[in-house]
Amino acid sequence: MEDDKAKSKNEVMRVDQNHGDEQQQQPPLMALNHVSRVCKNVEESIDFYTKVLGFVEIERPPAFDFDGAWLFNYGVGVHLVQSKDHEKLPQPHNLDPMDNHISFQCEDMNAIERKLKELNIKCKKRTVEDDKNGSVIDQLFFNDPDGFMIEICNCENLKLVPAGSLGKIMLPLDRHNPPIQVQPNNNDDHIHN
């Protein structure tokens, strides 16, 4: 009985792509936890990620003895770390979709585009059409205050089709990781939405 509870708690939808081939042992990974960004000014980056992208600042364990902040939303964290050497940060450049970036799916691309215009954030807009599947993907690319590129897209329009890979696509179904405290702790007078 206890074993069944553990199994249901860790339920994962597995899309098998082995096509009869030998089963491979999958690592016990669940989801992307966080992306780390080194920044010139943590406060400026907090402002950007909360106001532009809707992240929420969360408590950071006091054991970390360097300046930074943790943000969370949409099932993923962004960890900001104060740079000690600004020379190592990326230099703002032309927005190139072929360069390193993080991407967030979006339900309303027009709303995001309006928000970027209101905030005077330079962006590059692109539409990609997949003639084979009849899918259209809209993309917006822009930089955070430290030159890291961000993409906003409606990539859910494109069906995930494994390209002959061995293994399984795993999607957590019954849990959120990390767990979220929805009640205020003793230090909070109220919960911020």
C-alpha atoms as a PDB file:
ATOM      1  CA  MET A   1       0.000   0.000   0.000  1.00  0.00           C
ATOM      2  CA  GLU A   2       2.760   2.454   0.972  1.00  0.00           C
ATOM      3  CA  ASP A   3       4.634   1.537  -2.213  1.00  0.00           C
ATOM      4  CA  ASP A   4       1.506   2.338  -4.289  1.00  0.00           C
ATOM      5  CA  LYS A   5       1.264   5.782  -2.656  1.00  0.00           C
ATOM      6  CA  ALA A   6       4.900   6.484  -3.499  1.00  0.00           C
ATOM      7  CA  LYS A   7       4.274   5.436  -7.087  1.00  0.00           C
ATOM      8  CA  SER A   8       1.202   7.666  -7.445  1.00  0.00           C
ATOM      9  CA  LYS A   9       3.003  10.599  -5.827  1.00  0.00           C
ATOM     10  CA  ASN A  10       5.747  10.299  -8.415  1.00  0.00           C
ATOM     11  CA  GLU A  11       3.430   9.611 -11.315  1.00  0.00           C
ATOM     12  CA  VAL A  12       4.930  10.686 -14.609  1.00  0.00           C
ATOM     13  CA  MET A  13       3.409  10.450 -18.058  1.00  0.00           C
ATOM     14  CA  ARG A  14       5.888   8.509 -20.150  1.00  0.00           C
ATOM     15  CA  VAL A  15       5.740   8.667 -23.919  1.00  0.00           C
ATOM     16  CA  ASP A  16       7.723   5.633 -25.039  1.00  0.00           C
ATOM     17  CA  GLN A  17       9.785   6.179 -28.167  1.00  0.00           C
ATOM     18  CA  ASN A  18      11.841   2.973 -28.081  1.00  0.00           C
ATOM     19  CA  HIS A  19       9.740   1.238 -30.730  1.00  0.00           C
ATOM     20  CA  GLY A  20      10.619  -2.193 -29.344  1.00  0.00           C
ATOM     21  CA  ASP A  21      14.299  -1.386 -28.846  1.00  0.00           C
ATOM     22  CA  GLU A  22      16.090  -2.222 -25.622  1.00  0.00           C
ATOM     23  CA  GLN A  23      14.860  -0.122 -22.672  1.00  0.00           C
ATOM     24  CA  GLN A  24      17.353   2.461 -21.413  1.00  0.00           C
ATOM     25  CA  GLN A  25      17.532   3.457 -17.765  1.00  0.00           C
ATOM     26  CA  GLN A  26      16.321   7.067 -17.544  1.00  0.00           C
ATOM     27  CA  PRO A  27      17.853   9.484 -15.030  1.00  0.00           C
ATOM     28  CA  PRO A  28      15.404  10.397 -12.257  1.00  0.00           C
ATOM     29  CA  LEU A  29      14.904  13.978 -13.495  1.00  0.00           C
ATOM     30  CA  MET A  30      11.526  15.715 -13.298  1.00  0.00           C
ATOM     31  CA  ALA A  31      11.642  19.220 -14.780  1.00  0.00           C
ATOM     32  CA  LEU A  32      13.751  22.325 -15.312  1.00  0.00           C
ATOM     33  CA  ASN A  33      14.273  23.841 -11.855  1.00  0.00           C
ATOM     34  CA  HIS A  34      15.940  27.185 -12.538  1.00  0.00           C
ATOM     35  CA  VAL A  35      18.063  29.272 -14.852  1.00  0.00           C
ATOM     36  CA  SER A  36      20.886  31.254 -13.269  1.00  0.00           C
ATOM     37  CA  ARG A  37      21.788  34.750 -14.468  1.00  0.00           C
ATOM     38  CA  VAL A  38      24.806  36.781 -13.370  1.00  0.00           C
ATOM     39  CA  CYS A  39      23.886  40.464 -13.269  1.00  0.00           C
ATOM     40  CA  LYS A  40      25.455  43.904 -12.921  1.00  0.00           C
ATOM     41  CA  ASN A  41      22.725  45.030 -10.556  1.00  0.00           C
ATOM     42  CA  VAL A  42      20.489  42.479  -8.789  1.00  0.00           C
ATOM     43  CA  GLU A  43      17.805  45.055  -7.944  1.00  0.00           C
ATOM     44  CA  GLU A  44      17.547  46.199 -11.583  1.00  0.00           C
ATOM     45  CA  SER A  45      17.243  42.588 -12.722  1.00  0.00           C
ATOM     46  CA  ILE A  46      14.579  41.840 -10.068  1.00  0.00           C
ATOM     47  CA  ASP A  47      12.634  44.830 -11.391  1.00  0.00           C
ATOM     48  CA  PHE A  48      12.917  43.564 -14.986  1.00  0.00           C
ATOM     49  CA  TYR A  49      11.983  39.935 -14.324  1.00  0.00           C
ATOM     50  CA  THR A  50       9.043  40.847 -12.055  1.00  0.00           C
ATOM     51  CA  LYS A  51       7.584  43.748 -14.072  1.00  0.00           C
ATOM     52  CA  VAL A  52       8.281  42.543 -17.606  1.00  0.00           C
ATOM     53  CA  LEU A  53       7.966  38.763 -17.211  1.00  0.00           C
ATOM     54  CA  GLY A  54       5.768  38.410 -14.127  1.00  0.00           C
ATOM     55  CA  PHE A  55       8.193  36.503 -11.906  1.00  0.00           C
ATOM     56  CA  VAL A  56       7.737  36.665  -8.133  1.00  0.00           C
ATOM     57  CA  GLU A  57      10.642  37.145  -5.729  1.00  0.00           C
ATOM     58  CA  ILE A  58      10.861  34.265  -3.266  1.00  0.00           C
ATOM     59  CA  GLU A  59      12.893  33.734  -0.123  1.00  0.00           C
ATOM     60  CA  ARG A  60      16.493  32.736  -0.714  1.00  0.00           C
ATOM     61  CA  PRO A  61      18.208  30.432   1.774  1.00  0.00           C
ATOM     62  CA  PRO A  62      20.393  32.531   4.106  1.00  0.00           C
ATOM     63  CA  ALA A  63      23.234  30.011   3.741  1.00  0.00           C
ATOM     64  CA  PHE A  64      24.169  31.670   0.433  1.00  0.00           C
ATOM     65  CA  ASP A  65      26.803  34.207   1.426  1.00  0.00           C
ATOM     66  CA  PHE A  66      26.820  36.217  -1.806  1.00  0.00           C
ATOM     67  CA  ASP A  67      24.420  38.831  -3.169  1.00  0.00           C
ATOM     68  CA  GLY A  68      21.585  37.549  -5.272  1.00  0.00           C
ATOM     69  CA  ALA A  69      17.866  36.858  -5.470  1.00  0.00           C
ATOM     70  CA  TRP A  70      15.554  33.993  -6.345  1.00  0.00           C
ATOM     71  CA  LEU A  71      12.510  34.490  -8.527  1.00  0.00           C
ATOM     72  CA  PHE A  72       9.842  31.963  -9.446  1.00  0.00           C
ATOM     73  CA  ASN A  73       6.791  31.543 -11.685  1.00  0.00           C
ATOM     74  CA  TYR A  74       5.471  29.351 -14.508  1.00  0.00           C
ATOM     75  CA  GLY A  75       7.064  26.284 -12.923  1.00  0.00           C
ATOM     76  CA  VAL A  76      10.633  27.562 -13.227  1.00  0.00           C
ATOM     77  CA  GLY A  77      13.003  29.668 -11.158  1.00  0.00           C
ATOM     78  CA  VAL A  78      15.382  32.421 -12.179  1.00  0.00           C
ATOM     79  CA  HIS A  79      18.333  32.789  -9.818  1.00  0.00           C
ATOM     80  CA  LEU A  80      20.079  36.134  -9.975  1.00  0.00           C
ATOM     81  CA  VAL A  81      23.693  36.399  -8.836  1.00  0.00           C
ATOM     82  CA  GLN A  82      25.526  39.691  -8.353  1.00  0.00           C
ATOM     83  CA  SER A  83      28.483  39.880 -10.754  1.00  0.00           C
ATOM     84  CA  LYS A  84      31.939  40.484  -9.353  1.00  0.00           C
ATOM     85  CA  ASP A  85      33.364  41.109 -12.830  1.00  0.00           C
ATOM     86  CA  HIS A  86      31.157  43.062 -15.254  1.00  0.00           C
ATOM     87  CA  GLU A  87      33.621  42.320 -18.068  1.00  0.00           C
ATOM     88  CA  LYS A  88      32.419  38.691 -18.144  1.00  0.00           C
ATOM     89  CA  LEU A  89      28.781  39.642 -18.795  1.00  0.00           C
ATOM     90  CA  PRO A  90      27.446  39.422 -22.357  1.00  0.00           C
ATOM     91  CA  GLN A  91      27.580  42.608 -24.348  1.00  0.00           C
ATOM     92  CA  PRO A  92      24.249  43.757 -25.779  1.00  0.00           C
ATOM     93  CA  HIS A  93      24.223  43.011 -29.481  1.00  0.00           C
ATOM     94  CA  ASN A  94      21.840  42.485 -32.338  1.00  0.00           C
ATOM     95  CA  LEU A  95      19.038  40.130 -31.404  1.00  0.00           C
ATOM     96  CA  ASP A  96      19.901  36.893 -33.148  1.00  0.00           C
ATOM     97  CA  PRO A  97      17.442  33.978 -32.730  1.00  0.00           C
ATOM     98  CA  MET A  98      20.359  31.642 -33.402  1.00  0.00           C
ATOM     99  CA  ASP A  99      22.196  32.847 -30.265  1.00  0.00           C
ATOM    100  CA  ASN A 100      21.867  31.539 -26.678  1.00  0.00           C
ATOM    101  CA  HIS A 101      18.550  32.392 -25.025  1.00  0.00           C
ATOM    102  CA  ILE A 102      15.863  31.156 -22.662  1.00  0.00           C
ATOM    103  CA  SER A 103      12.326  30.834 -23.972  1.00  0.00           C
ATOM    104  CA  PHE A 104       8.917  31.124 -22.332  1.00  0.00           C
ATOM    105  CA  GLN A 105       5.653  29.970 -23.868  1.00  0.00           C
ATOM    106  CA  CYS A 106       2.920  32.583 -24.024  1.00  0.00           C
ATOM    107  CA  GLU A 107      -0.852  32.449 -24.363  1.00  0.00           C
ATOM    108  CA  ASP A 108      -1.249  35.975 -25.775  1.00  0.00           C
ATOM    109  CA  MET A 109       1.613  37.162 -27.968  1.00  0.00           C
ATOM    110  CA  ASN A 110      -0.122  40.479 -28.770  1.00  0.00           C
ATOM    111  CA  ALA A 111      -0.349  41.352 -25.059  1.00  0.00           C
ATOM    112  CA  ILE A 112       3.373  40.685 -24.558  1.00  0.00           C
ATOM    113  CA  GLU A 113       4.272  42.718 -27.640  1.00  0.00           C
ATOM    114  CA  ARG A 114       2.170  45.654 -26.361  1.00  0.00           C
ATOM    115  CA  LYS A 115       3.837  45.423 -22.938  1.00  0.00           C
ATOM    116  CA  LEU A 116       7.337  45.462 -24.466  1.00  0.00           C
ATOM    117  CA  LYS A 117       6.404  48.543 -26.545  1.00  0.00           C
ATOM    118  CA  GLU A 118       4.956  50.296 -23.470  1.00  0.00           C
ATOM    119  CA  LEU A 119       8.211  49.634 -21.583  1.00  0.00           C
ATOM    120  CA  ASN A 120      10.357  50.724 -24.586  1.00  0.00           C
ATOM    121  CA  ILE A 121      12.078  47.344 -24.748  1.00  0.00           C
ATOM    122  CA  LYS A 122      13.621  46.730 -28.161  1.00  0.00           C
ATOM    123  CA  CYS A 123      12.534  43.379 -29.562  1.00  0.00           C
ATOM    124  CA  LYS A 124      12.786  41.354 -32.729  1.00  0.00           C
ATOM    125  CA  LYS A 125       9.601  39.711 -33.986  1.00  0.00           C
ATOM    126  CA  ARG A 126       9.644  36.599 -36.111  1.00  0.00           C
ATOM    127  CA  THR A 127       7.053  34.164 -37.458  1.00  0.00           C
ATOM    128  CA  VAL A 128       8.059  30.643 -38.393  1.00  0.00           C
ATOM    129  CA  GLU A 129       5.744  28.548 -40.556  1.00  0.00           C
ATOM    130  CA  ASP A 130       5.984  24.758 -40.638  1.00  0.00           C
ATOM    131  CA  ASP A 131       4.581  23.790 -44.032  1.00  0.00           C
ATOM    132  CA  LYS A 132       4.782  20.067 -43.218  1.00  0.00           C
ATOM    133  CA  ASN A 133       2.481  20.274 -40.179  1.00  0.00           C
ATOM    134  CA  GLY A 134       0.688  23.536 -40.960  1.00  0.00           C
ATOM    135  CA  SER A 135       1.899  25.111 -37.699  1.00  0.00           C
ATOM    136  CA  VAL A 136       2.717  28.784 -37.229  1.00  0.00           C
ATOM    137  CA  ILE A 137       4.932  29.947 -34.360  1.00  0.00           C
ATOM    138  CA  ASP A 138       5.300  33.585 -33.343  1.00  0.00           C
ATOM    139  CA  GLN A 139       8.466  34.648 -31.528  1.00  0.00           C
ATOM    140  CA  LEU A 140       9.646  37.809 -29.770  1.00  0.00           C
ATOM    141  CA  PHE A 141      13.329  38.182 -28.832  1.00  0.00           C
ATOM    142  CA  PHE A 142      14.705  40.818 -26.440  1.00  0.00           C
ATOM    143  CA  ASN A 143      17.497  41.272 -23.894  1.00  0.00           C
ATOM    144  CA  ASP A 144      17.338  41.513 -20.119  1.00  0.00           C
ATOM    145  CA  PRO A 145      19.291  44.376 -18.453  1.00  0.00           C
ATOM    146  CA  ASP A 146      22.502  42.315 -18.604  1.00  0.00           C
ATOM    147  CA  GLY A 147      22.319  41.362 -22.274  1.00  0.00           C
ATOM    148  CA  PHE A 148      20.937  37.829 -21.854  1.00  0.00           C
ATOM    149  CA  MET A 149      18.468  37.096 -24.638  1.00  0.00           C
ATOM    150  CA  ILE A 150      14.905  36.038 -23.869  1.00  0.00           C
ATOM    151  CA  GLU A 151      12.382  34.571 -26.274  1.00  0.00           C
ATOM    152  CA  ILE A 152       8.621  34.666 -25.833  1.00  0.00           C
ATOM    153  CA  CYS A 153       6.776  32.282 -28.147  1.00  0.00           C
ATOM    154  CA  ASN A 154       3.607  30.345 -28.758  1.00  0.00           C
ATOM    155  CA  CYS A 155       5.601  27.165 -29.358  1.00  0.00           C
ATOM    156  CA  GLU A 156       2.732  25.034 -28.047  1.00  0.00           C
ATOM    157  CA  ASN A 157       1.375  25.410 -31.596  1.00  0.00           C
ATOM    158  CA  LEU A 158       4.072  22.944 -32.673  1.00  0.00           C
ATOM    159  CA  LYS A 159       3.530  19.292 -31.810  1.00  0.00           C
ATOM    160  CA  LEU A 160       6.506  17.560 -30.151  1.00  0.00           C
ATOM    161  CA  VAL A 161       7.548  14.673 -32.369  1.00  0.00           C
ATOM    162  CA  PRO A 162      10.606  12.709 -31.196  1.00  0.00           C
ATOM    163  CA  ALA A 163      13.140  12.440 -33.992  1.00  0.00           C
ATOM    164  CA  GLY A 164      14.031   8.768 -33.701  1.00  0.00           C
ATOM    165  CA  SER A 165      15.479   9.214 -30.237  1.00  0.00           C
ATOM    166  CA  LEU A 166      15.780   6.308 -27.894  1.00  0.00           C
ATOM    167  CA  GLY A 167      14.130   6.959 -24.595  1.00  0.00           C
ATOM    168  CA  LYS A 168      11.010   8.465 -23.180  1.00  0.00           C
ATOM    169  CA  ILE A 169       9.488  11.893 -22.964  1.00  0.00           C
ATOM    170  CA  MET A 170       8.463  12.346 -19.321  1.00  0.00           C
ATOM    171  CA  LEU A 171       5.973  14.935 -18.099  1.00  0.00           C
ATOM    172  CA  PRO A 172       5.173  15.234 -14.366  1.00  0.00           C
ATOM    173  CA  LEU A 173       1.409  14.957 -13.873  1.00  0.00           C
ATOM    174  CA  ASP A 174       0.597  15.062 -10.192  1.00  0.00           C
ATOM    175  CA  ARG A 175       2.953  17.443  -8.455  1.00  0.00           C
ATOM    176  CA  HIS A 176       4.573  20.798  -8.566  1.00  0.00           C
ATOM    177  CA  ASN A 177       8.259  21.006  -7.909  1.00  0.00           C
ATOM    178  CA  PRO A 178       9.326  22.836  -5.840  1.00  0.00           C
ATOM    179  CA  PRO A 179       6.373  22.892  -3.453  1.00  0.00           C
ATOM    180  CA  ILE A 180       4.834  26.310  -2.946  1.00  0.00           C
ATOM    181  CA  GLN A 181       3.848  27.712   0.443  1.00  0.00           C
ATOM    182  CA  VAL A 182       0.443  29.324  -0.057  1.00  0.00           C
ATOM    183  CA  GLN A 183      -0.049  30.438   3.550  1.00  0.00           C
ATOM    184  CA  PRO A 184       1.924  33.413   4.844  1.00  0.00           C
ATOM    185  CA  ASN A 185       4.756  32.637   7.213  1.00  0.00           C
ATOM    186  CA  ASN A 186       5.224  34.490  10.497  1.00  0.00           C
ATOM    187  CA  ASN A 187       7.310  37.189   8.817  1.00  0.00           C
ATOM    188  CA  ASP A 188       4.605  38.157   6.294  1.00  0.00           C
ATOM    189  CA  ASP A 189       1.546  40.289   7.009  1.00  0.00           C
ATOM    190  CA  HIS A 190      -0.064  39.230   3.725  1.00  0.00           C
ATOM    191  CA  ILE A 191       0.544  37.276   0.546  1.00  0.00           C
ATOM    192  CA  HIS A 192       1.596  39.250  -2.505  1.00  0.00           C
ATOM    193  CA  ASN A 193      -0.161  38.331  -5.742  1.00  0.00           C
END
